Amino acid sequence: MVLELWETAKEAIIAYTGLAPATFFTVLAALFAAYYVFSGLFGSSSDHHRHTDRDFEEEEMPPLRPPVQLGEITEEELKAYDGSDLEKPLLMAIKGQIYDVSQSRMFYGPGGPYALFAGKDASRALAKMSFDEKDLTGDTSGLGAFELEALQDWEYKFMSKYVKVGTIQKTVPVTEGGESTGEPSEAAIPRDADAAKPTEDVEGVKSDETLSNAGAN
């Protein structure tokens, strides 16, 4: 039975390929060998690229560090945390509250779409969805109801997603000489003003007495 099947297979090989059975199997083995060789080359190359890309990402994106509480800092000090220094966390403030947004470096870090907000209190810009330099401030005066609502939504997002690490120190401007109230200061009123008037009256009385005595003489 096996011999009959082999004889039938040989006849089919000769009829369809025109090759002797030995030649046919040699060519078939060579094709399989070539397939494994090429698949091995391309497979190792793609694996190499995957490893290279992974290594590059690991070098490019250092592991996140635990958020560090800064306490109260000034707006000028906050500028140092704009993402340009990889040794420092990436910070951003909203409504005077500072948050660590290092986990979203691709958005707020250098080259990101919101990079200009980093290291600043961008409350006004977030409320207005503005990218103007003049709006990169924490001043929210004059905003409309819709803008204030949008700012509130941003604050809720920051509170739920990021860790608060500090607050911006508020500075109260002091004018030279103090604030003017429009009223005269206590120092401007002479303390002996009331005493001056009786003195004048007494001098007047003495003058009248002197004249009377002179007429009598």
Protein backbone atom coordinates (compact mmCIF):
# COMPACT_ATOMS: atom_id res chain seq x y z
CA MET A 1 0.00 0.00 0.00
CA VAL A 2 2.82 2.39 0.92
CA LEU A 3 4.76 1.52 -2.21
CA GLU A 4 1.71 2.19 -4.34
CA LEU A 5 1.22 5.63 -2.74
CA TRP A 6 4.91 6.48 -3.27
CA GLU A 7 4.74 5.44 -6.90
CA THR A 8 1.62 7.57 -7.37
CA ALA A 9 3.30 10.57 -5.70
CA LYS A 10 6.40 10.24 -7.90
CA GLU A 11 4.29 10.16 -11.01
CA ALA A 12 2.34 13.26 -9.84
CA ILE A 13 5.58 15.14 -9.09
CA ILE A 14 7.02 14.32 -12.51
CA ALA A 15 3.73 15.17 -14.24
CA TYR A 16 3.11 18.53 -12.53
CA THR A 17 6.64 19.85 -11.94
CA GLY A 18 8.71 18.08 -14.57
CA LEU A 19 11.32 17.38 -11.88
CA ALA A 20 12.60 14.13 -10.56
CA PRO A 21 11.33 13.34 -7.06
CA ALA A 22 14.81 13.75 -5.54
CA THR A 23 15.26 17.15 -7.20
CA PHE A 24 11.79 18.25 -6.14
CA PHE A 25 12.40 17.47 -2.45
CA THR A 26 15.82 19.14 -2.59
CA VAL A 27 14.27 22.36 -3.92
CA LEU A 28 11.49 22.16 -1.32
CA ALA A 29 14.01 21.77 1.51
CA ALA A 30 16.01 24.73 0.21
CA LEU A 31 12.87 26.91 0.17
CA PHE A 32 12.05 26.02 3.77
CA ALA A 33 15.60 26.74 4.83
CA ALA A 34 15.54 30.15 3.11
CA TYR A 35 12.21 30.99 4.77
CA TYR A 36 13.56 30.29 8.26
CA VAL A 37 16.71 32.28 7.57
CA PHE A 38 14.85 35.37 6.35
CA SER A 39 12.20 35.19 9.07
CA GLY A 40 14.97 34.98 11.67
CA LEU A 41 16.73 38.02 10.25
CA PHE A 42 13.62 40.20 10.11
CA GLY A 43 12.36 38.99 13.44
CA SER A 44 15.59 39.80 15.25
CA SER A 45 15.73 43.20 13.55
CA SER A 46 12.24 44.15 14.71
CA ASP A 47 12.99 42.90 18.21
CA HIS A 48 16.15 45.00 18.20
CA HIS A 49 14.17 48.08 17.20
CA ARG A 50 11.63 47.44 19.94
CA HIS A 51 14.36 47.13 22.53
CA THR A 52 16.08 50.24 21.20
CA ASP A 53 12.87 52.29 21.33
CA ARG A 54 12.13 51.06 24.84
CA ASP A 55 15.63 51.91 26.01
CA PHE A 56 15.35 55.36 24.42
CA GLU A 57 12.05 56.02 26.18
CA GLU A 58 13.51 54.94 29.49
CA GLU A 59 16.45 57.31 29.00
CA GLU A 60 14.23 60.14 27.81
CA MET A 61 11.62 59.82 30.57
CA PRO A 62 13.19 59.33 34.01
CA PRO A 63 11.08 57.58 36.63
CA LEU A 64 8.69 59.82 38.51
CA ARG A 65 9.75 60.86 41.97
CA PRO A 66 7.39 61.17 44.91
CA PRO A 67 5.93 64.69 45.15
CA VAL A 68 7.83 66.97 47.53
CA GLN A 69 5.93 69.49 49.66
CA LEU A 70 7.33 72.99 49.07
CA GLY A 71 5.07 74.96 51.37
CA GLU A 72 4.64 78.63 50.50
CA ILE A 73 6.79 80.00 47.69
CA THR A 74 6.75 83.10 45.52
CA GLU A 75 5.71 83.25 41.88
CA GLU A 76 9.32 83.99 40.97
CA GLU A 77 10.47 80.80 42.72
CA LEU A 78 7.74 78.81 40.95
CA LYS A 79 9.28 79.65 37.56
CA ALA A 80 12.19 77.31 38.33
CA TYR A 81 9.81 74.33 38.09
CA ASP A 82 8.79 74.77 34.44
CA GLY A 83 10.22 71.40 33.37
CA SER A 84 13.48 72.67 31.89
CA ASP A 85 15.41 71.04 34.76
CA LEU A 86 14.75 67.28 34.84
CA GLU A 87 16.08 67.14 38.39
CA LYS A 88 13.14 69.25 39.59
CA PRO A 89 9.43 68.40 39.56
CA LEU A 90 7.13 69.95 36.99
CA LEU A 91 4.78 72.31 38.79
CA MET A 92 1.83 74.47 37.88
CA ALA A 93 -0.55 76.58 39.95
CA ILE A 94 -4.23 77.32 39.75
CA LYS A 95 -5.99 79.80 42.03
CA GLY A 96 -2.83 80.09 44.13
CA GLN A 97 -2.58 76.33 44.76
CA ILE A 98 0.53 74.57 43.38
CA TYR A 99 0.27 71.07 41.92
CA ASP A 100 2.88 68.55 40.79
CA VAL A 101 2.02 67.75 37.14
CA SER A 102 5.16 65.71 36.44
CA GLN A 103 3.07 62.72 35.37
CA SER A 104 1.69 64.81 32.49
CA ARG A 105 5.04 66.02 31.23
CA MET A 106 3.98 65.27 27.65
CA PHE A 107 1.34 68.02 28.00
CA TYR A 108 2.94 70.56 30.36
CA GLY A 109 6.62 69.83 29.83
CA PRO A 110 8.89 71.50 27.24
CA GLY A 111 7.47 70.95 23.76
CA GLY A 112 4.02 70.06 25.08
CA PRO A 113 0.83 71.87 24.00
CA TYR A 114 0.43 73.49 27.43
CA ALA A 115 4.12 74.04 28.19
CA LEU A 116 3.67 77.80 28.59
CA PHE A 117 1.47 77.17 31.68
CA ALA A 118 4.24 75.32 33.55
CA GLY A 119 5.97 77.14 36.37
CA LYS A 120 3.17 79.71 36.58
CA ASP A 121 -0.23 80.37 38.06
CA ALA A 122 -2.22 80.26 34.82
CA SER A 123 -5.67 80.68 36.33
CA ARG A 124 -6.73 83.47 34.01
CA ALA A 125 -5.42 81.69 30.90
CA LEU A 126 -7.22 78.46 31.85
CA ALA A 127 -10.47 80.29 32.51
CA LYS A 128 -10.32 82.02 29.13
CA MET A 129 -8.57 79.14 27.33
CA SER A 130 -6.07 81.73 26.21
CA PHE A 131 -2.43 81.33 25.23
CA ASP A 132 -1.65 85.05 25.37
CA GLU A 133 1.30 86.02 27.52
CA LYS A 134 -0.79 88.69 29.27
CA ASP A 135 -3.23 86.04 30.53
CA LEU A 136 -0.56 83.89 32.20
CA THR A 137 -1.43 85.20 35.63
CA GLY A 138 -3.36 84.24 38.71
CA ASP A 139 -5.45 87.44 38.52
CA THR A 140 -9.08 86.42 37.97
CA SER A 141 -10.64 89.86 38.33
CA GLY A 142 -13.14 90.83 35.64
CA LEU A 143 -13.87 87.27 34.49
CA GLY A 144 -17.39 86.37 33.47
CA ALA A 145 -19.59 83.68 34.99
CA PHE A 146 -18.84 81.22 32.18
CA GLU A 147 -15.10 81.76 32.54
CA LEU A 148 -15.21 81.33 36.31
CA GLU A 149 -17.15 78.10 35.86
CA ALA A 150 -14.53 76.83 33.41
CA LEU A 151 -11.81 77.72 35.91
CA GLN A 152 -13.68 75.81 38.61
CA ASP A 153 -13.77 72.74 36.36
CA TRP A 154 -10.01 72.99 35.86
CA GLU A 155 -9.48 73.23 39.61
CA TYR A 156 -11.57 70.10 40.25
CA LYS A 157 -9.54 68.27 37.62
CA PHE A 158 -6.25 69.28 39.22
CA MET A 159 -7.47 68.38 42.70
CA SER A 160 -8.54 64.90 41.62
CA LYS A 161 -5.56 64.09 39.41
CA TYR A 162 -2.49 65.80 40.89
CA VAL A 163 -0.90 66.21 44.30
CA LYS A 164 -0.95 69.65 45.86
CA VAL A 165 2.59 70.56 46.97
CA GLY A 166 2.31 74.16 48.07
CA THR A 167 0.75 77.59 47.73
CA ILE A 168 1.84 80.87 46.18
CA GLN A 169 2.87 83.51 48.66
CA LYS A 170 0.61 86.53 48.48
CA THR A 171 2.30 89.91 48.48
CA VAL A 172 0.49 93.04 49.67
CA PRO A 173 1.82 96.21 48.00
CA VAL A 174 2.73 98.93 50.48
CA THR A 175 2.78 102.52 49.25
CA GLU A 176 5.39 104.92 50.54
CA GLY A 177 4.11 106.80 53.56
CA GLY A 178 1.10 104.49 53.92
CA GLU A 179 -2.29 104.64 52.24
CA SER A 180 -3.94 107.98 51.84
CA THR A 181 -7.49 108.14 53.26
CA GLY A 182 -8.20 111.75 52.27
CA GLU A 183 -8.51 112.79 55.91
CA PRO A 184 -5.93 114.94 57.64
CA SER A 185 -3.58 112.97 59.80
CA GLU A 186 -3.42 113.53 63.52
CA ALA A 187 0.05 114.97 63.15
CA ALA A 188 -1.23 117.66 60.77
CA ILE A 189 -3.47 119.15 63.48
CA PRO A 190 -1.50 121.40 65.85
CA ARG A 191 -1.97 120.15 69.38
CA ASP A 192 -1.85 123.71 70.80
CA ALA A 193 -4.45 125.12 68.41
CA ASP A 194 -7.05 125.41 71.13
CA ALA A 195 -4.54 126.94 73.51
CA ALA A 196 -3.54 129.58 70.99
CA LYS A 197 -6.93 131.30 70.94
CA PRO A 198 -7.16 132.05 74.68
CA THR A 199 -3.63 133.38 74.52
CA GLU A 200 -4.63 135.85 71.80
CA ASP A 201 -7.69 136.93 73.82
CA VAL A 202 -5.60 137.47 76.91
CA GLU A 203 -3.13 139.55 74.97
CA GLY A 204 -6.03 141.59 73.56
CA VAL A 205 -7.41 142.22 77.04
CA LYS A 206 -3.99 143.31 78.28
CA SER A 207 -3.68 145.73 75.35
CA ASP A 208 -7.06 147.32 76.17
CA GLU A 209 -6.13 147.69 79.82
CA THR A 210 -2.86 149.40 78.87
CA LEU A 211 -4.67 151.92 76.67
CA SER A 212 -7.20 152.71 79.42
CA ASN A 213 -4.50 153.32 81.99
CA ALA A 214 -2.65 155.60 79.58
CA GLY A 215 -5.78 157.73 79.01
CA ALA A 216 -6.42 158.01 82.70
CA ASN A 217 -2.96 159.36 83.33
